[in-house]
Amino acid sequence: MPNYDFQCLECGHKFTKLVPLQEKDKVRCPECGGHVKQLFGSFGFAVKGGSGSCSSSSSCGFGGFS
């Protein structure tokens, strides 16, 4: 079950809720009971493998800058 970020359209309260995909349209604000909109933001990712560091003389795969 995924977490979704919401913001209340009435009081502005922002919150995260663990809710099934089929029920995210039924979510109400926990503060005032108002209607909410789903927020879409950035997401993070992790790359597995490697040492997790790079030397100042290598580009580390980011455009060839040194």
C-alpha atoms as a PDB file:
ATOM      1  CA  MET A   1       0.000   0.000   0.000  1.00  0.00           C
ATOM      2  CA  PRO A   2       1.600   3.304  -1.078  1.00  0.00           C
ATOM      3  CA  ASN A   3       1.948   6.591   0.808  1.00  0.00           C
ATOM      4  CA  TYR A   4       0.401   9.637  -0.830  1.00  0.00           C
ATOM      5  CA  ASP A   5       0.950  13.308  -0.010  1.00  0.00           C
ATOM      6  CA  PHE A   6      -2.156  15.481   0.220  1.00  0.00           C
ATOM      7  CA  GLN A   7      -3.068  19.092   0.905  1.00  0.00           C
ATOM      8  CA  CYS A   8      -6.434  20.250   2.181  1.00  0.00           C
ATOM      9  CA  LEU A   9      -8.239  22.622  -0.178  1.00  0.00           C
ATOM     10  CA  GLU A  10     -10.010  24.276   2.753  1.00  0.00           C
ATOM     11  CA  CYS A  11      -7.473  24.720   5.565  1.00  0.00           C
ATOM     12  CA  GLY A  12      -4.189  24.107   3.678  1.00  0.00           C
ATOM     13  CA  HIS A  13      -3.003  21.291   5.980  1.00  0.00           C
ATOM     14  CA  LYS A  14      -0.407  19.030   4.309  1.00  0.00           C
ATOM     15  CA  PHE A  15      -0.154  15.382   5.307  1.00  0.00           C
ATOM     16  CA  THR A  16       0.912  11.932   4.137  1.00  0.00           C
ATOM     17  CA  LYS A  17      -1.424   8.966   4.292  1.00  0.00           C
ATOM     18  CA  LEU A  18      -0.979   5.264   3.656  1.00  0.00           C
ATOM     19  CA  VAL A  19      -3.999   4.363   1.531  1.00  0.00           C
ATOM     20  CA  PRO A  20      -4.916   1.794  -1.148  1.00  0.00           C
ATOM     21  CA  LEU A  21      -4.907   3.176  -4.688  1.00  0.00           C
ATOM     22  CA  GLN A  22      -8.652   2.525  -5.029  1.00  0.00           C
ATOM     23  CA  GLU A  23      -9.446   4.649  -1.948  1.00  0.00           C
ATOM     24  CA  LYS A  24      -7.215   7.711  -2.404  1.00  0.00           C
ATOM     25  CA  ASP A  25     -10.175   9.695  -3.824  1.00  0.00           C
ATOM     26  CA  LYS A  26     -12.021   9.166  -0.522  1.00  0.00           C
ATOM     27  CA  VAL A  27      -9.319  10.777   1.673  1.00  0.00           C
ATOM     28  CA  ARG A  28     -10.394  13.774   3.777  1.00  0.00           C
ATOM     29  CA  CYS A  29      -8.320  16.219   5.810  1.00  0.00           C
ATOM     30  CA  PRO A  30      -7.579  14.861   9.301  1.00  0.00           C
ATOM     31  CA  GLU A  31      -7.676  18.426  10.705  1.00  0.00           C
ATOM     32  CA  CYS A  32     -10.962  19.800   9.343  1.00  0.00           C
ATOM     33  CA  GLY A  33     -12.551  16.999   7.289  1.00  0.00           C
ATOM     34  CA  GLY A  34     -12.265  19.050   4.100  1.00  0.00           C
ATOM     35  CA  HIS A  35     -11.620  17.930   0.549  1.00  0.00           C
ATOM     36  CA  VAL A  36      -7.999  17.316  -0.407  1.00  0.00           C
ATOM     37  CA  LYS A  37      -5.832  17.297  -3.508  1.00  0.00           C
ATOM     38  CA  GLN A  38      -2.980  14.908  -4.086  1.00  0.00           C
ATOM     39  CA  LEU A  39       0.462  16.517  -4.175  1.00  0.00           C
ATOM     40  CA  PHE A  40       3.039  15.361  -6.679  1.00  0.00           C
ATOM     41  CA  GLY A  41       6.657  15.998  -5.800  1.00  0.00           C
ATOM     42  CA  SER A  42      10.088  14.780  -6.587  1.00  0.00           C
ATOM     43  CA  PHE A  43      11.228  11.332  -5.669  1.00  0.00           C
ATOM     44  CA  GLY A  44      14.574   9.930  -4.676  1.00  0.00           C
ATOM     45  CA  PHE A  45      16.409   6.906  -5.880  1.00  0.00           C
ATOM     46  CA  ALA A  46      19.499   4.997  -4.868  1.00  0.00           C
ATOM     47  CA  VAL A  47      22.055   3.404  -7.134  1.00  0.00           C
ATOM     48  CA  LYS A  48      23.261   0.024  -5.934  1.00  0.00           C
ATOM     49  CA  GLY A  49      26.898  -0.946  -6.200  1.00  0.00           C
ATOM     50  CA  GLY A  50      30.035   1.129  -6.387  1.00  0.00           C
ATOM     51  CA  SER A  51      31.957   2.659  -3.535  1.00  0.00           C
ATOM     52  CA  GLY A  52      29.658   5.633  -3.036  1.00  0.00           C
ATOM     53  CA  SER A  53      32.446   8.142  -3.549  1.00  0.00           C
ATOM     54  CA  CYS A  54      34.525   9.536  -6.350  1.00  0.00           C
ATOM     55  CA  SER A  55      37.850  11.283  -6.595  1.00  0.00           C
ATOM     56  CA  SER A  56      38.216  14.881  -7.721  1.00  0.00           C
ATOM     57  CA  SER A  57      39.946  13.704 -10.901  1.00  0.00           C
ATOM     58  CA  SER A  58      37.053  11.530 -12.084  1.00  0.00           C
ATOM     59  CA  SER A  59      33.810  12.667 -13.634  1.00  0.00           C
ATOM     60  CA  CYS A  60      31.660  10.189 -11.615  1.00  0.00           C
ATOM     61  CA  GLY A  61      29.390   9.917 -14.646  1.00  0.00           C
ATOM     62  CA  PHE A  62      27.970  13.428 -14.388  1.00  0.00           C
ATOM     63  CA  GLY A  63      28.788  15.142 -17.661  1.00  0.00           C
ATOM     64  CA  GLY A  64      32.586  14.816 -17.620  1.00  0.00           C
ATOM     65  CA  PHE A  65      33.357  17.695 -15.254  1.00  0.00           C
ATOM     66  CA  SER A  66      36.465  17.339 -13.126  1.00  0.00           C
END
